[in-house]
Amino acid sequence: METTNISLELPAYAYLFGFIQSDGHLYNNTRNRGKVSIEIGKIDEEILWAFKNLIPFNSSISERVRKTNFSSQHTSVIWRVYDKRFRDYLESWGLPNGSKSKLIQLPSCSFSKVDYFRGLIDGDGSLGMTSKKFPFLSLVTCSSYIAVEYLELIKQITGKTKTSNKNTRDQVYNIVVYKEDAQLLTSHLYYNGCLALRRKLIKASEVLSWSRPPDMKRVNKKFWTPEEDQFITTHSIEHSMKVLGRSQSSIELRLWRLKKLSKQLVTN
């Protein structure tokens, strides 16, 4: 089998790797035995056939019906790959052994960023319209490494600096963008012809079709820039207030968030 065209610089493989990090499991056992598997609801079965056709290794797709908290007859579809060569690729890219690891990080090689993050969002995120009928796009992750890089991607695409902290209940980051920012991010992540869950592509179309109602006001929030972050960490609060034109409470809150994020990066 020809395997030289397996690379995370290719959009489909970058998406696949992100999807595996969010919804997949890598198991290694003795004597080079093991498997990679993804189990999802039958509604999304089509994406597993796309994965099966993508990789140059034998794989299988099967169904199972089980009782869950939401249904007495929940049907899921499982994609399994036993070929060690595929597992070797995943491990070389940085996928840890075990299920749903909190240790996931960005790939340890060059990769297609928007396709990789689309894979994560298809597995652990959502997009669509809020109850108030305006667009949103979110990514949920327990990895500080993923959170920091995704926030950087948001800044690159929207030009706005966002911050996020783990919530106290689940200890995860829930990073959400709304309205025009959600549309801009969606247009980059869910571009025409990309590999993605069909239902997410439908939602992406709804997001991109939205127009701001005339009576919906814009809120001009002053976001923190990396230069401002650097300034307040190297100057007094009083001096920062004068130079940056920000209030004392704003600077103190920002310093607290920067310190908290730094600790999370160290511990994770």
Protein backbone atom coordinates (compact mmCIF):
# COMPACT_ATOMS: atom_id res chain seq x y z
CA MET A 1 0.00 0.00 0.00
CA GLU A 2 1.16 3.54 -0.79
CA THR A 3 1.45 5.53 2.44
CA THR A 4 3.71 8.41 1.42
CA ASN A 5 0.76 10.82 1.04
CA ILE A 6 -0.19 10.69 4.72
CA SER A 7 0.46 14.13 6.17
CA LEU A 8 -1.31 16.58 8.46
CA GLU A 9 -0.53 19.29 5.95
CA LEU A 10 -3.29 17.67 3.87
CA PRO A 11 -6.71 19.05 4.91
CA ALA A 12 -8.48 15.68 5.18
CA TYR A 13 -5.82 14.16 7.45
CA ALA A 14 -5.64 17.30 9.64
CA TYR A 15 -9.41 17.10 10.07
CA LEU A 16 -9.25 13.37 10.81
CA PHE A 17 -6.60 13.88 13.49
CA GLY A 18 -8.63 16.60 15.21
CA PHE A 19 -11.71 14.39 15.11
CA ILE A 20 -9.80 11.44 16.59
CA GLN A 21 -8.45 13.66 19.39
CA SER A 22 -11.99 14.65 20.34
CA ASP A 23 -14.05 11.51 19.64
CA GLY A 24 -11.51 8.74 19.10
CA HIS A 25 -9.59 6.24 21.20
CA LEU A 26 -6.09 4.85 20.73
CA TYR A 27 -5.32 1.58 22.50
CA ASN A 28 -1.96 -0.15 22.52
CA ASN A 29 -1.42 -3.62 23.94
CA THR A 30 1.37 -6.17 24.15
CA ARG A 31 3.09 -7.66 21.09
CA ASN A 32 2.28 -4.61 18.95
CA ARG A 33 -1.43 -5.25 19.20
CA GLY A 34 -3.93 -2.43 19.51
CA LYS A 35 -6.50 -0.40 17.64
CA VAL A 36 -7.87 3.03 16.85
CA SER A 37 -11.62 3.45 17.11
CA ILE A 38 -14.28 6.13 16.79
CA GLU A 39 -17.85 5.55 17.95
CA ILE A 40 -20.51 8.10 17.00
CA GLY A 41 -24.27 8.25 16.52
CA LYS A 42 -25.68 6.71 13.37
CA ILE A 43 -26.76 10.14 12.16
CA ASP A 44 -23.08 10.92 11.51
CA GLU A 45 -22.17 7.55 9.97
CA GLU A 46 -21.21 9.13 6.65
CA ILE A 47 -18.06 10.69 8.09
CA LEU A 48 -16.72 7.28 9.16
CA TRP A 49 -17.04 5.96 5.61
CA ALA A 50 -15.10 9.02 4.47
CA PHE A 51 -12.35 8.13 6.96
CA LYS A 52 -12.37 4.50 5.81
CA ASN A 53 -11.93 5.60 2.19
CA LEU A 54 -9.26 8.14 3.14
CA ILE A 55 -6.63 5.97 4.81
CA PRO A 56 -4.63 3.33 2.88
CA PHE A 57 -5.13 0.71 5.61
CA ASN A 58 -7.81 -1.89 6.17
CA SER A 59 -10.55 -0.82 8.58
CA SER A 60 -14.05 -1.91 9.54
CA ILE A 61 -17.36 -0.22 10.33
CA SER A 62 -20.03 -1.86 12.49
CA GLU A 63 -23.17 -0.93 14.41
CA ARG A 64 -24.37 -1.54 17.93
CA VAL A 65 -27.63 -0.80 19.74
CA ARG A 66 -27.60 -0.03 23.45
CA LYS A 67 -29.57 1.71 26.15
CA THR A 68 -28.49 5.20 27.13
CA ASN A 69 -29.80 7.96 29.37
CA PHE A 70 -31.51 9.46 26.34
CA SER A 71 -32.80 6.41 24.47
CA SER A 72 -33.61 2.76 25.06
CA GLN A 73 -32.54 1.91 21.51
CA HIS A 74 -29.58 4.13 20.70
CA THR A 75 -27.77 3.05 17.52
CA SER A 76 -24.13 3.97 17.19
CA VAL A 77 -21.57 3.26 14.48
CA ILE A 78 -17.97 2.24 15.21
CA TRP A 79 -14.94 2.61 12.94
CA ARG A 80 -11.94 0.45 13.89
CA VAL A 81 -8.40 0.33 12.53
CA TYR A 82 -6.05 -2.39 13.77
CA ASP A 83 -3.09 -1.73 11.47
CA LYS A 84 -0.07 -0.74 13.56
CA ARG A 85 1.23 1.54 10.81
CA PHE A 86 -1.75 3.82 11.26
CA ARG A 87 -1.28 3.88 15.03
CA ASP A 88 2.37 4.75 14.49
CA TYR A 89 1.37 7.77 12.43
CA LEU A 90 -1.06 8.96 15.12
CA GLU A 91 1.51 8.55 17.88
CA SER A 92 4.18 10.34 15.86
CA TRP A 93 1.76 13.27 15.51
CA GLY A 94 1.31 13.36 19.28
CA LEU A 95 -1.84 11.34 20.02
CA PRO A 96 -1.56 9.86 23.54
CA ASN A 97 -2.61 6.32 24.35
CA GLY A 98 -5.97 5.91 26.08
CA SER A 99 -9.46 7.31 25.69
CA LYS A 100 -10.38 10.98 25.83
CA SER A 101 -7.03 12.05 27.25
CA LYS A 102 -6.82 15.44 28.97
CA LEU A 103 -3.25 15.66 27.71
CA ILE A 104 -4.04 16.35 24.05
CA GLN A 105 -1.94 19.02 22.45
CA LEU A 106 -1.46 20.45 19.00
CA PRO A 107 0.09 18.09 16.45
CA SER A 108 3.85 17.80 16.82
CA CYS A 109 4.40 18.51 13.12
CA SER A 110 3.26 20.96 10.44
CA PHE A 111 -0.49 20.80 9.98
CA SER A 112 -3.44 22.51 8.31
CA LYS A 113 -4.76 24.60 11.18
CA VAL A 114 -8.33 25.37 10.10
CA ASP A 115 -8.98 21.74 9.13
CA TYR A 116 -7.54 20.45 12.39
CA PHE A 117 -9.72 22.76 14.47
CA ARG A 118 -12.79 21.90 12.39
CA GLY A 119 -12.17 18.28 13.39
CA LEU A 120 -12.06 19.26 17.06
CA ILE A 121 -15.22 21.34 16.73
CA ASP A 122 -17.10 18.57 14.91
CA GLY A 123 -16.20 16.29 17.82
CA ASP A 124 -16.36 18.64 20.81
CA GLY A 125 -17.98 21.84 19.63
CA SER A 126 -21.15 23.23 18.16
CA LEU A 127 -22.42 25.92 15.86
CA GLY A 128 -25.78 27.24 14.83
CA MET A 129 -28.29 29.81 16.03
CA THR A 130 -28.98 30.74 19.64
CA SER A 131 -32.47 30.89 21.12
CA LYS A 132 -32.38 34.60 20.30
CA LYS A 133 -31.72 33.77 16.64
CA PHE A 134 -28.15 34.95 16.18
CA PRO A 135 -25.10 32.84 15.21
CA PHE A 136 -22.62 31.21 17.54
CA LEU A 137 -19.63 28.88 17.22
CA SER A 138 -18.12 27.10 20.21
CA LEU A 139 -15.32 24.72 21.12
CA VAL A 140 -15.19 22.83 24.41
CA THR A 141 -11.84 21.47 25.56
CA CYS A 142 -10.14 20.55 28.83
CA SER A 143 -6.69 21.12 27.31
CA SER A 144 -5.07 24.47 28.05
CA TYR A 145 -2.75 23.94 25.07
CA ILE A 146 -5.69 23.62 22.68
CA ALA A 147 -7.52 26.55 24.29
CA VAL A 148 -4.57 28.93 23.93
CA GLU A 149 -3.97 28.04 20.28
CA TYR A 150 -7.66 28.26 19.40
CA LEU A 151 -7.88 31.71 20.99
CA GLU A 152 -4.91 32.69 18.83
CA LEU A 153 -6.71 31.40 15.73
CA ILE A 154 -9.77 33.47 16.65
CA LYS A 155 -7.55 36.53 16.92
CA GLN A 156 -5.90 35.84 13.56
CA ILE A 157 -9.26 35.53 11.81
CA THR A 158 -11.43 38.10 13.62
CA GLY A 159 -8.76 40.52 14.78
CA LYS A 160 -10.16 40.34 18.32
CA THR A 161 -8.45 39.08 21.45
CA LYS A 162 -10.56 36.75 23.57
CA THR A 163 -9.78 35.19 26.92
CA SER A 164 -11.20 32.05 28.51
CA ASN A 165 -10.97 30.25 31.82
CA LYS A 166 -11.99 26.75 32.85
CA ASN A 167 -15.47 26.67 34.34
CA THR A 168 -15.74 25.55 37.94
CA ARG A 169 -18.27 22.77 37.35
CA ASP A 170 -16.63 20.72 34.60
CA GLN A 171 -13.10 22.17 34.54
CA VAL A 172 -13.28 22.75 30.80
CA TYR A 173 -12.88 25.74 28.53
CA ASN A 174 -16.02 26.69 26.62
CA ILE A 175 -14.85 29.19 24.01
CA VAL A 176 -17.74 30.84 22.18
CA VAL A 177 -17.93 33.55 19.51
CA TYR A 178 -21.15 35.19 18.37
CA LYS A 179 -22.75 37.06 15.49
CA GLU A 180 -20.38 38.47 12.83
CA ASP A 181 -17.34 36.96 14.55
CA ALA A 182 -19.01 33.54 14.42
CA GLN A 183 -19.76 34.08 10.74
CA LEU A 184 -16.16 35.05 9.97
CA LEU A 185 -14.73 32.09 11.86
CA THR A 186 -17.25 29.71 10.29
CA SER A 187 -16.43 30.91 6.78
CA HIS A 188 -12.76 29.99 7.34
CA LEU A 189 -13.38 26.67 9.09
CA TYR A 190 -16.30 25.36 7.03
CA TYR A 191 -15.22 26.38 3.54
CA ASN A 192 -16.75 24.95 0.36
CA GLY A 193 -15.76 21.34 -0.28
CA CYS A 194 -14.26 20.70 3.16
CA LEU A 195 -14.60 17.37 4.95
CA ALA A 196 -17.05 17.77 7.84
CA LEU A 197 -20.15 16.34 9.45
CA ARG A 198 -23.12 16.92 7.15
CA ARG A 199 -25.29 18.34 9.95
CA LYS A 200 -22.53 20.80 10.87
CA LEU A 201 -22.29 21.93 7.24
CA ILE A 202 -26.03 22.61 7.29
CA LYS A 203 -25.63 24.64 10.47
CA ALA A 204 -22.68 26.50 8.96
CA SER A 205 -24.89 27.51 6.03
CA GLU A 206 -27.49 28.86 8.47
CA VAL A 207 -24.83 30.82 10.33
CA LEU A 208 -23.47 32.37 7.14
CA SER A 209 -26.96 33.31 5.93
CA TRP A 210 -27.70 35.45 9.00
CA SER A 211 -27.94 39.25 8.76
CA ARG A 212 -27.94 41.55 11.75
CA PRO A 213 -31.41 43.03 12.34
CA PRO A 214 -31.55 46.84 12.11
CA ASP A 215 -32.59 47.12 15.77
CA MET A 216 -29.70 44.97 17.08
CA LYS A 217 -27.03 47.28 18.47
CA ARG A 218 -23.33 46.54 18.27
CA VAL A 219 -21.34 46.39 21.49
CA ASN A 220 -17.85 47.76 21.04
CA LYS A 221 -15.83 45.93 23.67
CA LYS A 222 -12.21 46.94 24.17
CA PHE A 223 -10.19 43.72 23.90
CA TRP A 224 -6.76 43.24 25.42
CA THR A 225 -3.81 42.99 23.05
CA PRO A 226 -0.58 41.03 23.68
CA GLU A 227 1.28 44.36 23.82
CA GLU A 228 -1.04 45.61 26.58
CA ASP A 229 -0.65 42.32 28.46
CA GLN A 230 3.12 42.74 28.32
CA PHE A 231 2.87 46.36 29.45
CA ILE A 232 0.76 45.74 32.58
CA THR A 233 2.99 42.87 33.69
CA THR A 234 6.07 45.10 33.57
CA HIS A 235 4.64 48.40 34.90
CA SER A 236 2.69 49.55 37.93
CA ILE A 237 -1.09 49.63 37.89
CA GLU A 238 -1.07 53.43 38.23
CA HIS A 239 1.28 53.88 35.27
CA SER A 240 -0.70 51.37 33.19
CA MET A 241 -3.91 53.31 33.89
CA LYS A 242 -2.36 56.51 32.55
CA VAL A 243 -0.73 55.01 29.47
CA LEU A 244 -3.50 52.57 28.42
CA GLY A 245 -6.50 54.58 29.48
CA ARG A 246 -8.00 51.68 31.41
CA SER A 247 -9.55 51.57 34.88
CA GLN A 248 -7.83 50.11 37.92
CA SER A 249 -10.39 47.30 38.20
CA SER A 250 -9.93 46.41 34.52
CA ILE A 251 -6.15 46.12 34.89
CA GLU A 252 -6.36 44.16 38.15
CA LEU A 253 -8.84 41.70 36.61
CA ARG A 254 -6.64 41.25 33.55
CA LEU A 255 -3.54 40.60 35.71
CA TRP A 256 -5.49 38.01 37.69
CA ARG A 257 -6.59 36.24 34.49
CA LEU A 258 -3.07 36.22 33.06
CA LYS A 259 -1.70 34.77 36.30
CA LYS A 260 -4.41 32.09 36.38
CA LEU A 261 -3.83 31.12 32.74
CA SER A 262 -0.07 30.89 33.36
CA LYS A 263 -0.63 28.51 36.28
CA GLN A 264 -2.96 26.32 34.20
CA LEU A 265 -0.37 26.04 31.43
CA VAL A 266 2.26 24.98 33.96
CA THR A 267 0.06 22.37 35.69
CA ASN A 268 -1.36 20.96 32.45
